[in-house]
Amino acid sequence: MNPLTEPNCGVFIANVTFEPGCRNNWHIHKSTKGGGQILICVDGEGWYQEDGKEAISLKPGMVITIPANVKHWHGAKKDKWFSHLVVEVPGEDAENVWFEQVADEEYNKL
């Protein structure tokens, strides 16, 4: 993760690069008002999935808007590097809450 803005500037932006097969855990961007996250895909190929929904194949130029309090994960495909810009949407009482790993069995089906 390469931060592109200062954490206290009001909007945090970072360039995040995943090696092949790398993905983050299930998580939410918790907020009582506002909040959430925006992913701007810039290089390689990856996956985004919300809990209970089918995974979305990600390619450069795609933008994913993630509302606050939606459980999800994102990361690289098994055989591809992947980079996205992440924009943390300002919100009240905002925090990231991390959950379980994405199961290898489920990930390998993609």
N, C-alpha and C. Protein backbone atom coordinates (compact mmCIF):
# COMPACT_ATOMS: atom_id res chain seq x y z
N MET A 1 0.85 -1.18 0.00
CA MET A 1 0.00 0.00 0.00
C MET A 1 0.89 1.23 0.00
N ASN A 2 0.66 2.10 -0.97
CA ASN A 2 1.43 3.34 -1.10
C ASN A 2 0.48 4.52 -0.92
N PRO A 3 0.46 5.15 0.28
CA PRO A 3 -0.42 6.32 0.48
C PRO A 3 -0.06 7.45 -0.48
N LEU A 4 -1.09 8.05 -1.06
CA LEU A 4 -0.89 9.17 -1.98
C LEU A 4 -1.27 10.50 -1.36
N THR A 5 -2.03 10.45 -0.26
CA THR A 5 -2.39 11.66 0.47
C THR A 5 -2.04 11.47 1.94
N GLU A 6 -1.96 12.55 2.66
CA GLU A 6 -1.73 12.49 4.10
C GLU A 6 -3.01 12.00 4.77
N PRO A 7 -2.90 11.15 5.80
CA PRO A 7 -4.09 10.60 6.45
C PRO A 7 -5.06 11.65 6.99
N ASN A 8 -4.58 12.82 7.35
CA ASN A 8 -5.44 13.85 7.94
C ASN A 8 -5.88 14.91 6.94
N CYS A 9 -5.76 14.66 5.64
CA CYS A 9 -6.09 15.69 4.64
C CYS A 9 -7.58 15.76 4.34
N GLY A 10 -8.37 14.83 4.87
CA GLY A 10 -9.81 14.84 4.62
C GLY A 10 -10.26 13.70 3.73
N VAL A 11 -9.45 13.34 2.74
CA VAL A 11 -9.74 12.20 1.87
C VAL A 11 -8.46 11.39 1.72
N PHE A 12 -8.48 10.15 2.21
CA PHE A 12 -7.31 9.30 2.11
C PHE A 12 -7.35 8.52 0.81
N ILE A 13 -6.25 8.59 0.04
CA ILE A 13 -6.12 7.87 -1.22
C ILE A 13 -4.79 7.10 -1.18
N ALA A 14 -4.84 5.84 -1.62
CA ALA A 14 -3.62 5.03 -1.67
C ALA A 14 -3.64 4.17 -2.93
N ASN A 15 -2.45 3.85 -3.43
CA ASN A 15 -2.31 2.89 -4.52
C ASN A 15 -1.97 1.56 -3.87
N VAL A 16 -2.83 0.55 -4.09
CA VAL A 16 -2.65 -0.76 -3.48
C VAL A 16 -2.35 -1.77 -4.57
N THR A 17 -1.26 -2.51 -4.41
CA THR A 17 -0.86 -3.53 -5.39
C THR A 17 -0.88 -4.90 -4.72
N PHE A 18 -1.53 -5.86 -5.38
CA PHE A 18 -1.63 -7.23 -4.91
C PHE A 18 -0.82 -8.13 -5.84
N GLU A 19 0.01 -9.01 -5.29
CA GLU A 19 0.69 -10.00 -6.12
C GLU A 19 -0.33 -11.08 -6.50
N PRO A 20 -0.03 -11.90 -7.50
CA PRO A 20 -0.98 -12.95 -7.90
C PRO A 20 -1.42 -13.80 -6.70
N GLY A 21 -2.72 -14.02 -6.61
CA GLY A 21 -3.29 -14.84 -5.54
C GLY A 21 -3.52 -14.11 -4.24
N CYS A 22 -3.06 -12.88 -4.11
CA CYS A 22 -3.21 -12.12 -2.87
C CYS A 22 -4.58 -11.44 -2.83
N ARG A 23 -5.21 -11.49 -1.69
CA ARG A 23 -6.47 -10.78 -1.48
C ARG A 23 -6.57 -10.41 -0.02
N ASN A 24 -7.40 -9.41 0.27
CA ASN A 24 -7.57 -9.04 1.66
C ASN A 24 -8.69 -9.88 2.29
N ASN A 25 -8.84 -9.77 3.59
CA ASN A 25 -9.91 -10.47 4.30
C ASN A 25 -11.25 -9.79 4.02
N TRP A 26 -12.32 -10.50 4.33
CA TRP A 26 -13.64 -9.87 4.34
C TRP A 26 -13.57 -8.70 5.31
N HIS A 27 -14.22 -7.59 4.96
CA HIS A 27 -14.21 -6.43 5.84
C HIS A 27 -15.35 -5.48 5.49
N ILE A 28 -15.59 -4.54 6.38
CA ILE A 28 -16.55 -3.46 6.11
C ILE A 28 -15.86 -2.14 6.44
N HIS A 29 -16.37 -1.09 5.82
CA HIS A 29 -15.98 0.28 6.15
C HIS A 29 -17.16 0.84 6.92
N LYS A 30 -17.09 0.67 8.22
CA LYS A 30 -18.19 1.01 9.12
C LYS A 30 -18.31 2.53 9.25
N SER A 31 -19.56 3.02 9.24
CA SER A 31 -19.81 4.44 9.43
C SER A 31 -21.27 4.63 9.81
N THR A 32 -21.52 5.61 10.67
CA THR A 32 -22.91 5.92 11.04
C THR A 32 -23.54 6.89 10.06
N LYS A 33 -22.73 7.61 9.30
CA LYS A 33 -23.23 8.53 8.28
C LYS A 33 -22.12 8.76 7.26
N GLY A 34 -22.44 8.65 5.96
CA GLY A 34 -21.41 8.78 4.92
C GLY A 34 -20.53 7.56 4.93
N GLY A 35 -19.28 7.73 4.55
CA GLY A 35 -18.31 6.64 4.59
C GLY A 35 -18.37 5.73 3.38
N GLY A 36 -17.63 4.66 3.45
CA GLY A 36 -17.52 3.72 2.34
C GLY A 36 -16.17 3.83 1.67
N GLN A 37 -16.08 3.28 0.48
CA GLN A 37 -14.80 3.22 -0.22
C GLN A 37 -15.06 3.20 -1.73
N ILE A 38 -14.11 3.75 -2.48
CA ILE A 38 -14.14 3.71 -3.94
C ILE A 38 -12.86 3.05 -4.40
N LEU A 39 -12.98 2.06 -5.30
CA LEU A 39 -11.83 1.41 -5.91
C LEU A 39 -11.75 1.84 -7.36
N ILE A 40 -10.58 2.31 -7.79
CA ILE A 40 -10.34 2.68 -9.18
C ILE A 40 -9.26 1.75 -9.70
N CYS A 41 -9.63 0.82 -10.55
CA CYS A 41 -8.71 -0.20 -11.04
C CYS A 41 -7.75 0.42 -12.05
N VAL A 42 -6.44 0.21 -11.83
CA VAL A 42 -5.44 0.86 -12.68
C VAL A 42 -4.52 -0.09 -13.44
N ASP A 43 -4.35 -1.34 -12.97
CA ASP A 43 -3.43 -2.24 -13.67
C ASP A 43 -3.71 -3.69 -13.29
N GLY A 44 -3.51 -4.59 -14.23
CA GLY A 44 -3.67 -6.02 -13.96
C GLY A 44 -5.13 -6.44 -13.93
N GLU A 45 -5.38 -7.56 -13.23
CA GLU A 45 -6.74 -8.10 -13.12
C GLU A 45 -6.99 -8.58 -11.70
N GLY A 46 -8.20 -8.31 -11.22
CA GLY A 46 -8.54 -8.69 -9.86
C GLY A 46 -9.99 -9.08 -9.70
N TRP A 47 -10.38 -9.24 -8.44
CA TRP A 47 -11.74 -9.60 -8.06
C TRP A 47 -12.26 -8.65 -6.99
N TYR A 48 -13.57 -8.43 -7.03
CA TYR A 48 -14.29 -7.73 -5.96
C TYR A 48 -15.54 -8.55 -5.69
N GLN A 49 -15.84 -8.75 -4.40
CA GLN A 49 -17.05 -9.49 -4.07
C GLN A 49 -17.69 -8.96 -2.81
N GLU A 50 -19.01 -8.76 -2.87
CA GLU A 50 -19.79 -8.42 -1.69
C GLU A 50 -20.40 -9.70 -1.13
N ASP A 51 -20.56 -9.75 0.16
CA ASP A 51 -21.12 -10.92 0.83
C ASP A 51 -22.49 -11.26 0.24
N GLY A 52 -22.66 -12.52 -0.17
CA GLY A 52 -23.93 -12.98 -0.72
C GLY A 52 -24.13 -12.72 -2.20
N LYS A 53 -23.12 -12.11 -2.87
CA LYS A 53 -23.22 -11.80 -4.29
C LYS A 53 -22.09 -12.48 -5.06
N GLU A 54 -22.26 -12.57 -6.37
CA GLU A 54 -21.23 -13.12 -7.24
C GLU A 54 -20.03 -12.18 -7.29
N ALA A 55 -18.83 -12.73 -7.45
CA ALA A 55 -17.62 -11.91 -7.60
C ALA A 55 -17.64 -11.18 -8.93
N ILE A 56 -17.04 -10.00 -8.97
CA ILE A 56 -16.94 -9.18 -10.18
C ILE A 56 -15.48 -9.18 -10.63
N SER A 57 -15.25 -9.49 -11.89
CA SER A 57 -13.92 -9.46 -12.47
C SER A 57 -13.52 -8.01 -12.71
N LEU A 58 -12.33 -7.63 -12.22
CA LEU A 58 -11.88 -6.24 -12.32
C LEU A 58 -10.75 -6.10 -13.33
N LYS A 59 -10.84 -5.01 -14.12
CA LYS A 59 -9.81 -4.68 -15.11
C LYS A 59 -9.58 -3.18 -15.08
N PRO A 60 -8.44 -2.71 -15.61
CA PRO A 60 -8.14 -1.28 -15.59
C PRO A 60 -9.29 -0.44 -16.17
N GLY A 61 -9.54 0.66 -15.49
CA GLY A 61 -10.59 1.59 -15.91
C GLY A 61 -11.90 1.39 -15.18
N MET A 62 -12.08 0.24 -14.55
CA MET A 62 -13.32 -0.01 -13.80
C MET A 62 -13.29 0.73 -12.47
N VAL A 63 -14.47 1.15 -12.04
CA VAL A 63 -14.62 1.83 -10.75
C VAL A 63 -15.70 1.10 -9.95
N ILE A 64 -15.38 0.78 -8.71
CA ILE A 64 -16.31 0.11 -7.81
C ILE A 64 -16.60 1.06 -6.65
N THR A 65 -17.86 1.35 -6.42
CA THR A 65 -18.28 2.18 -5.29
C THR A 65 -18.85 1.26 -4.22
N ILE A 66 -18.26 1.29 -3.05
CA ILE A 66 -18.65 0.40 -1.96
C ILE A 66 -19.30 1.23 -0.86
N PRO A 67 -20.60 1.04 -0.65
CA PRO A 67 -21.26 1.79 0.42
C PRO A 67 -20.71 1.40 1.79
N ALA A 68 -20.89 2.27 2.74
CA ALA A 68 -20.51 1.96 4.12
C ALA A 68 -21.29 0.73 4.59
N ASN A 69 -20.66 -0.03 5.48
CA ASN A 69 -21.30 -1.15 6.16
C ASN A 69 -21.63 -2.35 5.26
N VAL A 70 -20.99 -2.45 4.10
CA VAL A 70 -21.19 -3.58 3.19
C VAL A 70 -19.97 -4.50 3.31
N LYS A 71 -20.19 -5.74 3.69
CA LYS A 71 -19.10 -6.71 3.85
C LYS A 71 -18.62 -7.14 2.47
N HIS A 72 -17.28 -7.09 2.26
CA HIS A 72 -16.71 -7.36 0.94
C HIS A 72 -15.23 -7.72 1.06
N TRP A 73 -14.65 -8.11 -0.07
CA TRP A 73 -13.21 -8.30 -0.18
C TRP A 73 -12.80 -7.95 -1.61
N HIS A 74 -11.49 -7.73 -1.81
CA HIS A 74 -10.95 -7.48 -3.14
C HIS A 74 -9.50 -7.91 -3.18
N GLY A 75 -9.02 -8.24 -4.38
CA GLY A 75 -7.64 -8.67 -4.53
C GLY A 75 -7.36 -9.13 -5.94
N ALA A 76 -6.18 -9.70 -6.12
CA ALA A 76 -5.70 -10.12 -7.44
C ALA A 76 -6.32 -11.46 -7.85
N LYS A 77 -6.31 -11.70 -9.15
CA LYS A 77 -6.65 -13.03 -9.65
C LYS A 77 -5.49 -13.97 -9.34
N LYS A 78 -5.73 -15.28 -9.45
CA LYS A 78 -4.72 -16.28 -9.07
C LYS A 78 -3.40 -16.11 -9.81
N ASP A 79 -3.46 -15.69 -11.08
CA ASP A 79 -2.25 -15.65 -11.92
C ASP A 79 -1.93 -14.26 -12.46
N LYS A 80 -2.48 -13.22 -11.83
CA LYS A 80 -2.29 -11.84 -12.32
C LYS A 80 -1.94 -10.90 -11.16
N TRP A 81 -1.07 -9.96 -11.43
CA TRP A 81 -0.87 -8.84 -10.52
C TRP A 81 -2.07 -7.93 -10.66
N PHE A 82 -2.35 -7.12 -9.63
CA PHE A 82 -3.49 -6.21 -9.68
C PHE A 82 -3.21 -4.98 -8.83
N SER A 83 -3.53 -3.81 -9.38
CA SER A 83 -3.39 -2.55 -8.63
C SER A 83 -4.67 -1.73 -8.75
N HIS A 84 -5.04 -1.11 -7.65
CA HIS A 84 -6.15 -0.16 -7.67
C HIS A 84 -5.84 1.01 -6.76
N LEU A 85 -6.44 2.14 -7.08
CA LEU A 85 -6.44 3.27 -6.16
C LEU A 85 -7.61 3.05 -5.23
N VAL A 86 -7.40 3.28 -3.96
CA VAL A 86 -8.47 3.18 -2.99
C VAL A 86 -8.72 4.58 -2.42
N VAL A 87 -9.98 4.98 -2.43
CA VAL A 87 -10.39 6.27 -1.88
C VAL A 87 -11.30 5.98 -0.69
N GLU A 88 -10.87 6.40 0.48
CA GLU A 88 -11.70 6.23 1.67
C GLU A 88 -12.66 7.41 1.74
N VAL A 89 -13.96 7.13 1.64
CA VAL A 89 -14.98 8.18 1.66
C VAL A 89 -15.17 8.64 3.10
N PRO A 90 -15.05 9.95 3.35
CA PRO A 90 -15.21 10.45 4.72
C PRO A 90 -16.60 10.11 5.29
N GLY A 91 -16.63 9.80 6.57
CA GLY A 91 -17.89 9.50 7.24
C GLY A 91 -17.77 9.74 8.73
N GLU A 92 -18.91 9.69 9.40
CA GLU A 92 -18.93 9.88 10.85
C GLU A 92 -18.72 8.53 11.54
N ASP A 93 -17.93 8.54 12.59
CA ASP A 93 -17.61 7.32 13.35
C ASP A 93 -17.10 6.22 12.41
N ALA A 94 -16.28 6.60 11.42
CA ALA A 94 -15.80 5.66 10.41
C ALA A 94 -14.63 4.84 10.94
N GLU A 95 -14.65 3.55 10.62
CA GLU A 95 -13.54 2.65 10.93
C GLU A 95 -13.65 1.42 10.04
N ASN A 96 -12.51 0.80 9.79
CA ASN A 96 -12.48 -0.46 9.05
C ASN A 96 -12.60 -1.59 10.06
N VAL A 97 -13.47 -2.54 9.76
CA VAL A 97 -13.66 -3.70 10.62
C VAL A 97 -13.31 -4.94 9.79
N TRP A 98 -12.33 -5.70 10.27
CA TRP A 98 -11.82 -6.86 9.53
C TRP A 98 -12.41 -8.15 10.07
N PHE A 99 -12.71 -9.07 9.13
CA PHE A 99 -13.30 -10.36 9.47
C PHE A 99 -12.41 -11.50 8.98
N GLU A 100 -13.02 -12.64 8.71
CA GLU A 100 -12.30 -13.85 8.33
C GLU A 100 -11.64 -13.72 6.96
N GLN A 101 -10.68 -14.62 6.72
CA GLN A 101 -10.03 -14.70 5.42
C GLN A 101 -11.03 -15.21 4.38
N VAL A 102 -10.80 -14.86 3.13
CA VAL A 102 -11.55 -15.44 2.03
C VAL A 102 -11.05 -16.88 1.89
N ALA A 103 -11.95 -17.83 2.00
CA ALA A 103 -11.56 -19.25 1.98
C ALA A 103 -10.92 -19.61 0.65
N ASP A 104 -9.81 -20.35 0.72
CA ASP A 104 -9.13 -20.81 -0.50
C ASP A 104 -10.09 -21.56 -1.41
N GLU A 105 -10.96 -22.38 -0.83
CA GLU A 105 -11.91 -23.17 -1.61
C GLU A 105 -12.80 -22.26 -2.47
N GLU A 106 -13.31 -21.19 -1.88
CA GLU A 106 -14.17 -20.26 -2.63
C GLU A 106 -13.37 -19.45 -3.65
N TYR A 107 -12.20 -18.95 -3.23
CA TYR A 107 -11.35 -18.15 -4.10
C TYR A 107 -10.93 -18.96 -5.33
N ASN A 108 -10.55 -20.20 -5.12
CA ASN A 108 -10.06 -21.04 -6.22
C ASN A 108 -11.15 -21.41 -7.23
N LYS A 109 -12.42 -21.23 -6.87
CA LYS A 109 -13.51 -21.47 -7.82
C LYS A 109 -13.67 -20.33 -8.82
N LEU A 110 -13.08 -19.17 -8.51
CA LEU A 110 -13.25 -18.00 -9.40
C LEU A 110 -12.40 -18.15 -10.65
